[in-house]
Each structure stands twice: as structure tokens, then as C-alpha cells.
Amino acid sequence: MSENEGSGTPKRLNESGLIRVSQTHIARRCKELAEHGLLRHVGNGAYVITEEGEAYLDEEYDAEEGVYIDGENSISEPSPTAESETNGV
């Protein structure tokens, strides 16, 4: 769910029927995606997608390296947001 659509919890995602795996699996994956800066935990088990998460979906961000990729597949510096989120700051 994007920030404009509000937050989403693993339970809400599971109940939506959009994702056909267990709530526990969704919660684990959300935590892992947050560790890579693609989601942001907003409390009470809810997450929102970050700018980096949107860019990753658009194939403009390398989550493994933590850097943006421009249109010609070259890499730019990581954003301070992604770096601080993955470092737990």
C-alpha cells in the first residue's frame, strides 16, 4: 500500500485476498522489506511503501546495493532516507 492509500498491516493484506500466503509469512516479508528500506514500519504492525520501494517496483532502485539506477543502468548514490532506514536510525 502506498503512503497515499494509508498503511497496511499483514492482517489487512492477508484479509484482502490479494496475497495468498499466511499472515505470518506476510509479516516476515514486510519486516525484511523494511530492513532494505523498501517499506517503512509506522507502528502497530502497519507498513507503508517508501520512495525506494516505489523505485524498486519501477526497476529504478537496486535494493541489494541500496542505490538508484538511472535509465541507462548506471548507478547513483543511495538516498539518505534508505541509508538511515537500513541502519536503524
PDB file of N, CA and C in Angstrom:
ATOM      1  N   MET A   1       0.841  -1.163   0.000  1.00  0.00           N
ATOM      2  CA  MET A   1       0.000   0.000   0.000  1.00  0.00           C
ATOM      3  C   MET A   1       0.892   1.234   0.000  1.00  0.00           C
ATOM      4  N   SER A   2       0.563   2.219  -0.782  1.00  0.00           N
ATOM      5  CA  SER A   2       1.381   3.419  -0.837  1.00  0.00           C
ATOM      6  C   SER A   2       0.993   4.356   0.297  1.00  0.00           C
ATOM      7  N   GLU A   3       1.856   5.333   0.576  1.00  0.00           N
ATOM      8  CA  GLU A   3       1.580   6.273   1.659  1.00  0.00           C
ATOM      9  C   GLU A   3       0.280   7.031   1.404  1.00  0.00           C
ATOM     10  N   ASN A   4      -0.051   7.250   0.135  1.00  0.00           N
ATOM     11  CA  ASN A   4      -1.284   7.961  -0.192  1.00  0.00           C
ATOM     12  C   ASN A   4      -2.529   7.138   0.114  1.00  0.00           C
ATOM     13  N   GLU A   5      -2.381   5.819   0.176  1.00  0.00           N
ATOM     14  CA  GLU A   5      -3.517   4.944   0.445  1.00  0.00           C
ATOM     15  C   GLU A   5      -3.605   4.546   1.908  1.00  0.00           C
ATOM     16  N   GLY A   6      -2.733   5.084   2.732  1.00  0.00           N
ATOM     17  CA  GLY A   6      -2.719   4.723   4.138  1.00  0.00           C
ATOM     18  C   GLY A   6      -1.768   3.571   4.379  1.00  0.00           C
ATOM     19  N   SER A   7      -1.796   3.074   5.581  1.00  0.00           N
ATOM     20  CA  SER A   7      -0.890   1.996   5.944  1.00  0.00           C
ATOM     21  C   SER A   7      -1.585   0.654   5.773  1.00  0.00           C
ATOM     22  N   GLY A   8      -0.778  -0.388   5.774  1.00  0.00           N
ATOM     23  CA  GLY A   8      -1.312  -1.736   5.677  1.00  0.00           C
ATOM     24  C   GLY A   8      -0.640  -2.628   6.688  1.00  0.00           C
ATOM     25  N   THR A   9      -1.421  -3.499   7.290  1.00  0.00           N
ATOM     26  CA  THR A   9      -0.873  -4.466   8.222  1.00  0.00           C
ATOM     27  C   THR A   9      -0.859  -5.821   7.533  1.00  0.00           C
ATOM     28  N   PRO A  10      -0.018  -6.739   8.005  1.00  0.00           N
ATOM     29  CA  PRO A  10      -0.050  -8.090   7.440  1.00  0.00           C
ATOM     30  C   PRO A  10      -1.451  -8.702   7.509  1.00  0.00           C
ATOM     31  N   LYS A  11      -2.164  -8.461   8.602  1.00  0.00           N
ATOM     32  CA  LYS A  11      -3.525  -8.998   8.724  1.00  0.00           C
ATOM     33  C   LYS A  11      -4.434  -8.427   7.635  1.00  0.00           C
ATOM     34  N   ARG A  12      -4.358  -7.109   7.438  1.00  0.00           N
ATOM     35  CA  ARG A  12      -5.195  -6.460   6.420  1.00  0.00           C
ATOM     36  C   ARG A  12      -4.848  -6.966   5.014  1.00  0.00           C
ATOM     37  N   LEU A  13      -3.542  -7.121   4.740  1.00  0.00           N
ATOM     38  CA  LEU A  13      -3.135  -7.651   3.442  1.00  0.00           C
ATOM     39  C   LEU A  13      -3.635  -9.079   3.254  1.00  0.00           C
ATOM     40  N   ASN A  14      -3.541  -9.888   4.302  1.00  0.00           N
ATOM     41  CA  ASN A  14      -3.999 -11.272   4.238  1.00  0.00           C
ATOM     42  C   ASN A  14      -5.506 -11.335   3.994  1.00  0.00           C
ATOM     43  N   GLU A  15      -6.260 -10.506   4.703  1.00  0.00           N
ATOM     44  CA  GLU A  15      -7.713 -10.499   4.560  1.00  0.00           C
ATOM     45  C   GLU A  15      -8.175  -9.964   3.215  1.00  0.00           C
ATOM     46  N   SER A  16      -7.348  -9.156   2.546  1.00  0.00           N
ATOM     47  CA  SER A  16      -7.727  -8.568   1.259  1.00  0.00           C
ATOM     48  C   SER A  16      -7.855  -9.621   0.169  1.00  0.00           C
ATOM     49  N   GLY A  17      -7.159 -10.744   0.353  1.00  0.00           N
ATOM     50  CA  GLY A  17      -7.170 -11.778  -0.680  1.00  0.00           C
ATOM     51  C   GLY A  17      -6.212 -11.498  -1.824  1.00  0.00           C
ATOM     52  N   LEU A  18      -5.520 -10.358  -1.785  1.00  0.00           N
ATOM     53  CA  LEU A  18      -4.576 -10.016  -2.846  1.00  0.00           C
ATOM     54  C   LEU A  18      -3.318 -10.867  -2.765  1.00  0.00           C
ATOM     55  N   ILE A  19      -2.991 -11.298  -1.560  1.00  0.00           N
ATOM     56  CA  ILE A  19      -1.800 -12.100  -1.335  1.00  0.00           C
ATOM     57  C   ILE A  19      -2.248 -13.411  -0.723  1.00  0.00           C
ATOM     58  N   ARG A  20      -1.876 -14.525  -1.333  1.00  0.00           N
ATOM     59  CA  ARG A  20      -2.367 -15.825  -0.890  1.00  0.00           C
ATOM     60  C   ARG A  20      -1.295 -16.620  -0.150  1.00  0.00           C
ATOM     61  N   VAL A  21      -0.802 -16.033   0.926  1.00  0.00           N
ATOM     62  CA  VAL A  21       0.124 -16.709   1.828  1.00  0.00           C
ATOM     63  C   VAL A  21      -0.317 -16.368   3.247  1.00  0.00           C
ATOM     64  N   SER A  22       0.303 -16.989   4.222  1.00  0.00           N
ATOM     65  CA  SER A  22      -0.112 -16.782   5.612  1.00  0.00           C
ATOM     66  C   SER A  22       0.224 -15.381   6.102  1.00  0.00           C
ATOM     67  N   GLN A  23      -0.515 -14.963   7.111  1.00  0.00           N
ATOM     68  CA  GLN A  23      -0.268 -13.671   7.739  1.00  0.00           C
ATOM     69  C   GLN A  23       1.146 -13.631   8.322  1.00  0.00           C
ATOM     70  N   THR A  24       1.612 -14.738   8.878  1.00  0.00           N
ATOM     71  CA  THR A  24       2.956 -14.813   9.438  1.00  0.00           C
ATOM     72  C   THR A  24       4.002 -14.589   8.355  1.00  0.00           C
ATOM     73  N   HIS A  25       3.800 -15.206   7.192  1.00  0.00           N
ATOM     74  CA  HIS A  25       4.739 -15.035   6.079  1.00  0.00           C
ATOM     75  C   HIS A  25       4.749 -13.576   5.621  1.00  0.00           C
ATOM     76  N   ILE A  26       3.582 -12.972   5.523  1.00  0.00           N
ATOM     77  CA  ILE A  26       3.491 -11.566   5.111  1.00  0.00           C
ATOM     78  C   ILE A  26       4.238 -10.684   6.108  1.00  0.00           C
ATOM     79  N   ALA A  27       4.051 -10.942   7.402  1.00  0.00           N
ATOM     80  CA  ALA A  27       4.711 -10.134   8.430  1.00  0.00           C
ATOM     81  C   ALA A  27       6.227 -10.255   8.326  1.00  0.00           C
ATOM     82  N   ARG A  28       6.729 -11.478   8.117  1.00  0.00           N
ATOM     83  CA  ARG A  28       8.178 -11.680   7.967  1.00  0.00           C
ATOM     84  C   ARG A  28       8.720 -10.933   6.752  1.00  0.00           C
ATOM     85  N   ARG A  29       8.008 -11.034   5.635  1.00  0.00           N
ATOM     86  CA  ARG A  29       8.465 -10.368   4.406  1.00  0.00           C
ATOM     87  C   ARG A  29       8.411  -8.855   4.557  1.00  0.00           C
ATOM     88  N   CYS A  30       7.372  -8.321   5.197  1.00  0.00           N
ATOM     89  CA  CYS A  30       7.297  -6.875   5.416  1.00  0.00           C
ATOM     90  C   CYS A  30       8.478  -6.401   6.248  1.00  0.00           C
ATOM     91  N   LYS A  31       8.828  -7.158   7.291  1.00  0.00           N
ATOM     92  CA  LYS A  31       9.970  -6.792   8.128  1.00  0.00           C
ATOM     93  C   LYS A  31      11.255  -6.781   7.301  1.00  0.00           C
ATOM     94  N   GLU A  32      11.432  -7.794   6.463  1.00  0.00           N
ATOM     95  CA  GLU A  32      12.632  -7.862   5.632  1.00  0.00           C
ATOM     96  C   GLU A  32      12.670  -6.712   4.619  1.00  0.00           C
ATOM     97  N   LEU A  33      11.537  -6.415   4.006  1.00  0.00           N
ATOM     98  CA  LEU A  33      11.483  -5.300   3.057  1.00  0.00           C
ATOM     99  C   LEU A  33      11.784  -3.983   3.759  1.00  0.00           C
ATOM    100  N   ALA A  34      11.338  -3.829   4.993  1.00  0.00           N
ATOM    101  CA  ALA A  34      11.633  -2.620   5.768  1.00  0.00           C
ATOM    102  C   ALA A  34      13.119  -2.530   6.073  1.00  0.00           C
ATOM    103  N   GLU A  35      13.754  -3.663   6.346  1.00  0.00           N
ATOM    104  CA  GLU A  35      15.194  -3.668   6.613  1.00  0.00           C
ATOM    105  C   GLU A  35      15.991  -3.196   5.399  1.00  0.00           C
ATOM    106  N   HIS A  36      15.430  -3.362   4.202  1.00  0.00           N
ATOM    107  CA  HIS A  36      16.092  -2.921   2.974  1.00  0.00           C
ATOM    108  C   HIS A  36      15.602  -1.540   2.525  1.00  0.00           C
ATOM    109  N   GLY A  37      14.776  -0.893   3.347  1.00  0.00           N
ATOM    110  CA  GLY A  37      14.316   0.457   3.044  1.00  0.00           C
ATOM    111  C   GLY A  37      13.199   0.533   2.024  1.00  0.00           C
ATOM    112  N   LEU A  38      12.571  -0.602   1.688  1.00  0.00           N
ATOM    113  CA  LEU A  38      11.506  -0.597   0.687  1.00  0.00           C
ATOM    114  C   LEU A  38      10.136  -0.351   1.311  1.00  0.00           C
ATOM    115  N   LEU A  39       9.998  -0.658   2.580  1.00  0.00           N
ATOM    116  CA  LEU A  39       8.805  -0.350   3.357  1.00  0.00           C
ATOM    117  C   LEU A  39       9.252   0.400   4.595  1.00  0.00           C
ATOM    118  N   ARG A  40       8.315   1.139   5.199  1.00  0.00           N
ATOM    119  CA  ARG A  40       8.607   1.816   6.463  1.00  0.00           C
ATOM    120  C   ARG A  40       7.568   1.361   7.475  1.00  0.00           C
ATOM    121  N   HIS A  41       8.031   0.873   8.620  1.00  0.00           N
ATOM    122  CA  HIS A  41       7.146   0.439   9.694  1.00  0.00           C
ATOM    123  C   HIS A  41       6.614   1.687  10.375  1.00  0.00           C
ATOM    124  N   VAL A  42       5.294   1.811  10.475  1.00  0.00           N
ATOM    125  CA  VAL A  42       4.692   3.008  11.066  1.00  0.00           C
ATOM    126  C   VAL A  42       4.039   2.720  12.416  1.00  0.00           C
ATOM    127  N   GLY A  43       4.267   1.512  12.933  1.00  0.00           N
ATOM    128  CA  GLY A  43       3.729   1.162  14.245  1.00  0.00           C
ATOM    129  C   GLY A  43       2.548   0.225  14.158  1.00  0.00           C
ATOM    130  N   ASN A  44       2.311  -0.479  15.237  1.00  0.00           N
ATOM    131  CA  ASN A  44       1.186  -1.421  15.341  1.00  0.00           C
ATOM    132  C   ASN A  44       1.134  -2.427  14.203  1.00  0.00           C
ATOM    133  N   GLY A  45       2.292  -2.827  13.701  1.00  0.00           N
ATOM    134  CA  GLY A  45       2.343  -3.825  12.640  1.00  0.00           C
ATOM    135  C   GLY A  45       2.019  -3.296  11.251  1.00  0.00           C
ATOM    136  N   ALA A  46       1.854  -1.975  11.111  1.00  0.00           N
ATOM    137  CA  ALA A  46       1.490  -1.380   9.823  1.00  0.00           C
ATOM    138  C   ALA A  46       2.737  -0.877   9.093  1.00  0.00           C
ATOM    139  N   TYR A  47       2.698  -0.964   7.761  1.00  0.00           N
ATOM    140  CA  TYR A  47       3.803  -0.545   6.909  1.00  0.00           C
ATOM    141  C   TYR A  47       3.273   0.311   5.767  1.00  0.00           C
ATOM    142  N   VAL A  48       4.132   1.206   5.270  1.00  0.00           N
ATOM    143  CA  VAL A  48       3.859   1.954   4.036  1.00  0.00           C
ATOM    144  C   VAL A  48       5.061   1.787   3.124  1.00  0.00           C
ATOM    145  N   ILE A  49       4.828   1.877   1.835  1.00  0.00           N
ATOM    146  CA  ILE A  49       5.924   1.760   0.873  1.00  0.00           C
ATOM    147  C   ILE A  49       6.687   3.072   0.833  1.00  0.00           C
ATOM    148  N   THR A  50       8.001   2.985   0.721  1.00  0.00           N
ATOM    149  CA  THR A  50       8.859   4.169   0.671  1.00  0.00           C
ATOM    150  C   THR A  50       9.097   4.587  -0.778  1.00  0.00           C
ATOM    151  N   GLU A  51       9.768   5.727  -0.942  1.00  0.00           N
ATOM    152  CA  GLU A  51      10.167   6.152  -2.284  1.00  0.00           C
ATOM    153  C   GLU A  51      11.041   5.089  -2.934  1.00  0.00           C
ATOM    154  N   GLU A  52      11.949   4.523  -2.137  1.00  0.00           N
ATOM    155  CA  GLU A  52      12.836   3.484  -2.657  1.00  0.00           C
ATOM    156  C   GLU A  52      12.036   2.256  -3.071  1.00  0.00           C
ATOM    157  N   GLY A  53      11.003   1.925  -2.303  1.00  0.00           N
ATOM    158  CA  GLY A  53      10.138   0.793  -2.647  1.00  0.00           C
ATOM    159  C   GLY A  53       9.422   1.017  -3.967  1.00  0.00           C
ATOM    160  N   GLU A  54       8.916   2.229  -4.164  1.00  0.00           N
ATOM    161  CA  GLU A  54       8.260   2.576  -5.433  1.00  0.00           C
ATOM    162  C   GLU A  54       9.260   2.490  -6.576  1.00  0.00           C
ATOM    163  N   ALA A  55      10.476   3.026  -6.351  1.00  0.00           N
ATOM    164  CA  ALA A  55      11.509   2.996  -7.390  1.00  0.00           C
ATOM    165  C   ALA A  55      11.920   1.560  -7.701  1.00  0.00           C
ATOM    166  N   TYR A  56      11.985   0.720  -6.677  1.00  0.00           N
ATOM    167  CA  TYR A  56      12.318  -0.697  -6.882  1.00  0.00           C
ATOM    168  C   TYR A  56      11.283  -1.358  -7.790  1.00  0.00           C
ATOM    169  N   LEU A  57      10.016  -1.083  -7.532  1.00  0.00           N
ATOM    170  CA  LEU A  57       8.956  -1.652  -8.361  1.00  0.00           C
ATOM    171  C   LEU A  57       9.028  -1.142  -9.800  1.00  0.00           C
ATOM    172  N   ASP A  58       9.540   0.078  -9.967  1.00  0.00           N
ATOM    173  CA  ASP A  58       9.702   0.667 -11.301  1.00  0.00           C
ATOM    174  C   ASP A  58      11.054   0.310 -11.922  1.00  0.00           C
ATOM    175  N   GLU A  59      11.796  -0.598 -11.264  1.00  0.00           N
ATOM    176  CA  GLU A  59      13.120  -1.037 -11.716  1.00  0.00           C
ATOM    177  C   GLU A  59      14.112   0.121 -11.817  1.00  0.00           C
ATOM    178  N   GLU A  60      13.998   1.059 -10.850  1.00  0.00           N
ATOM    179  CA  GLU A  60      14.881   2.218 -10.814  1.00  0.00           C
ATOM    180  C   GLU A  60      15.732   2.240  -9.553  1.00  0.00           C
ATOM    181  N   TYR A  61      15.661   1.165  -8.754  1.00  0.00           N
ATOM    182  CA  TYR A  61      16.395   1.113  -7.493  1.00  0.00           C
ATOM    183  C   TYR A  61      16.912  -0.294  -7.271  1.00  0.00           C
ATOM    184  N   ASP A  62      18.194  -0.391  -6.909  1.00  0.00           N
ATOM    185  CA  ASP A  62      18.811  -1.673  -6.601  1.00  0.00           C
ATOM    186  C   ASP A  62      18.804  -1.825  -5.086  1.00  0.00           C
ATOM    187  N   ALA A  63      17.874  -2.615  -4.563  1.00  0.00           N
ATOM    188  CA  ALA A  63      17.719  -2.765  -3.111  1.00  0.00           C
ATOM    189  C   ALA A  63      18.906  -3.472  -2.484  1.00  0.00           C
ATOM    190  N   GLU A  64      19.521  -4.372  -3.204  1.00  0.00           N
ATOM    191  CA  GLU A  64      20.662  -5.103  -2.665  1.00  0.00           C
ATOM    192  C   GLU A  64      21.841  -4.164  -2.408  1.00  0.00           C
ATOM    193  N   GLU A  65      22.071  -3.257  -3.352  1.00  0.00           N
ATOM    194  CA  GLU A  65      23.174  -2.298  -3.227  1.00  0.00           C
ATOM    195  C   GLU A  65      22.747  -1.011  -2.529  1.00  0.00           C
ATOM    196  N   GLY A  66      21.432  -0.767  -2.450  1.00  0.00           N
ATOM    197  CA  GLY A  66      20.934   0.457  -1.832  1.00  0.00           C
ATOM    198  C   GLY A  66      21.197   1.695  -2.656  1.00  0.00           C
ATOM    199  N   VAL A  67      21.106   1.563  -3.993  1.00  0.00           N
ATOM    200  CA  VAL A  67      21.383   2.693  -4.875  1.00  0.00           C
ATOM    201  C   VAL A  67      20.326   2.796  -5.966  1.00  0.00           C
ATOM    202  N   TYR A  68      20.135   4.018  -6.440  1.00  0.00           N
ATOM    203  CA  TYR A  68      19.233   4.254  -7.564  1.00  0.00           C
ATOM    204  C   TYR A  68      19.943   3.915  -8.867  1.00  0.00           C
ATOM    205  N   ILE A  69      19.176   3.480  -9.841  1.00  0.00           N
ATOM    206  CA  ILE A  69      19.689   3.153 -11.166  1.00  0.00           C
ATOM    207  C   ILE A  69      19.038   4.126 -12.138  1.00  0.00           C
ATOM    208  N   ASP A  70      19.859   4.817 -12.943  1.00  0.00           N
ATOM    209  CA  ASP A  70      19.253   5.723 -13.917  1.00  0.00           C
ATOM    210  C   ASP A  70      18.813   4.949 -15.151  1.00  0.00           C
ATOM    211  N   GLY A  71      18.231   5.629 -16.097  1.00  0.00           N
ATOM    212  CA  GLY A  71      17.672   4.996 -17.277  1.00  0.00           C
ATOM    213  C   GLY A  71      18.656   4.210 -18.117  1.00  0.00           C
ATOM    214  N   GLU A  72      19.950   4.468 -17.967  1.00  0.00           N
ATOM    215  CA  GLU A  72      20.965   3.779 -18.765  1.00  0.00           C
ATOM    216  C   GLU A  72      21.681   2.700 -17.958  1.00  0.00           C
ATOM    217  N   ASN A  73      21.040   2.241 -16.861  1.00  0.00           N
ATOM    218  CA  ASN A  73      21.563   1.193 -15.986  1.00  0.00           C
ATOM    219  C   ASN A  73      22.833   1.571 -15.243  1.00  0.00           C
ATOM    220  N   SER A  74      23.135   2.870 -15.157  1.00  0.00           N
ATOM    221  CA  SER A  74      24.248   3.258 -14.299  1.00  0.00           C
ATOM    222  C   SER A  74      23.688   3.542 -12.909  1.00  0.00           C
ATOM    223  N   ILE A  75      24.544   3.527 -11.936  1.00  0.00           N
ATOM    224  CA  ILE A  75      24.108   3.601 -10.542  1.00  0.00           C
ATOM    225  C   ILE A  75      24.431   4.971  -9.971  1.00  0.00           C
ATOM    226  N   SER A  76      23.502   5.507  -9.179  1.00  0.00           N
ATOM    227  CA  SER A  76      23.735   6.770  -8.486  1.00  0.00           C
ATOM    228  C   SER A  76      23.830   6.491  -6.993  1.00  0.00           C
ATOM    229  N   GLU A  77      24.202   7.508  -6.248  1.00  0.00           N
ATOM    230  CA  GLU A  77      24.399   7.362  -4.807  1.00  0.00           C
ATOM    231  C   GLU A  77      23.081   7.009  -4.108  1.00  0.00           C
ATOM    232  N   PRO A  78      23.167   6.259  -2.997  1.00  0.00           N
ATOM    233  CA  PRO A  78      21.958   5.932  -2.240  1.00  0.00           C
ATOM    234  C   PRO A  78      21.367   7.182  -1.610  1.00  0.00           C
ATOM    235  N   SER A  79      20.069   7.162  -1.406  1.00  0.00           N
ATOM    236  CA  SER A  79      19.435   8.300  -0.753  1.00  0.00           C
ATOM    237  C   SER A  79      19.692   8.239   0.738  1.00  0.00           C
ATOM    238  N   PRO A  80      19.743   9.386   1.409  1.00  0.00           N
ATOM    239  CA  PRO A  80      19.953   9.373   2.864  1.00  0.00           C
ATOM    240  C   PRO A  80      18.825   8.639   3.587  1.00  0.00           C
ATOM    241  N   THR A  81      17.607   8.698   3.060  1.00  0.00           N
ATOM    242  CA  THR A  81      16.472   8.021   3.681  1.00  0.00           C
ATOM    243  C   THR A  81      16.690   6.528   3.729  1.00  0.00           C
ATOM    244  N   ALA A  82      17.064   5.925   2.620  1.00  0.00           N
ATOM    245  CA  ALA A  82      17.278   4.473   2.560  1.00  0.00           C
ATOM    246  C   ALA A  82      18.413   4.079   3.474  1.00  0.00           C
ATOM    247  N   GLU A  83      19.470   4.873   3.492  1.00  0.00           N
ATOM    248  CA  GLU A  83      20.624   4.544   4.311  1.00  0.00           C
ATOM    249  C   GLU A  83      20.271   4.596   5.792  1.00  0.00           C
ATOM    250  N   SER A  84      19.531   5.635   6.221  1.00  0.00           N
ATOM    251  CA  SER A  84      19.188   5.748   7.636  1.00  0.00           C
ATOM    252  C   SER A  84      18.193   4.680   8.042  1.00  0.00           C
ATOM    253  N   GLU A  85      17.260   4.307   7.158  1.00  0.00           N
ATOM    254  CA  GLU A  85      16.278   3.282   7.491  1.00  0.00           C
ATOM    255  C   GLU A  85      16.928   1.920   7.617  1.00  0.00           C
ATOM    256  N   THR A  86      17.874   1.605   6.753  1.00  0.00           N
ATOM    257  CA  THR A  86      18.508   0.290   6.816  1.00  0.00           C
ATOM    258  C   THR A  86      19.495   0.212   7.963  1.00  0.00           C
ATOM    259  N   ASN A  87      19.968   1.363   8.456  1.00  0.00           N
ATOM    260  CA  ASN A  87      20.892   1.371   9.581  1.00  0.00           C
ATOM    261  C   ASN A  87      20.168   1.508  10.905  1.00  0.00           C
ATOM    262  N   GLY A  88      18.822   1.544  10.866  1.00  0.00           N
ATOM    263  CA  GLY A  88      18.042   1.649  12.078  1.00  0.00           C
ATOM    264  C   GLY A  88      18.060   3.006  12.738  1.00  0.00           C
ATOM    265  N   VAL A  89      18.407   4.037  11.977  1.00  0.00           N
ATOM    266  CA  VAL A  89      18.454   5.385  12.527  1.00  0.00           C
ATOM    267  C   VAL A  89      17.142   6.063  12.304  1.00  0.00           C
TER     268      VAL A  89
END
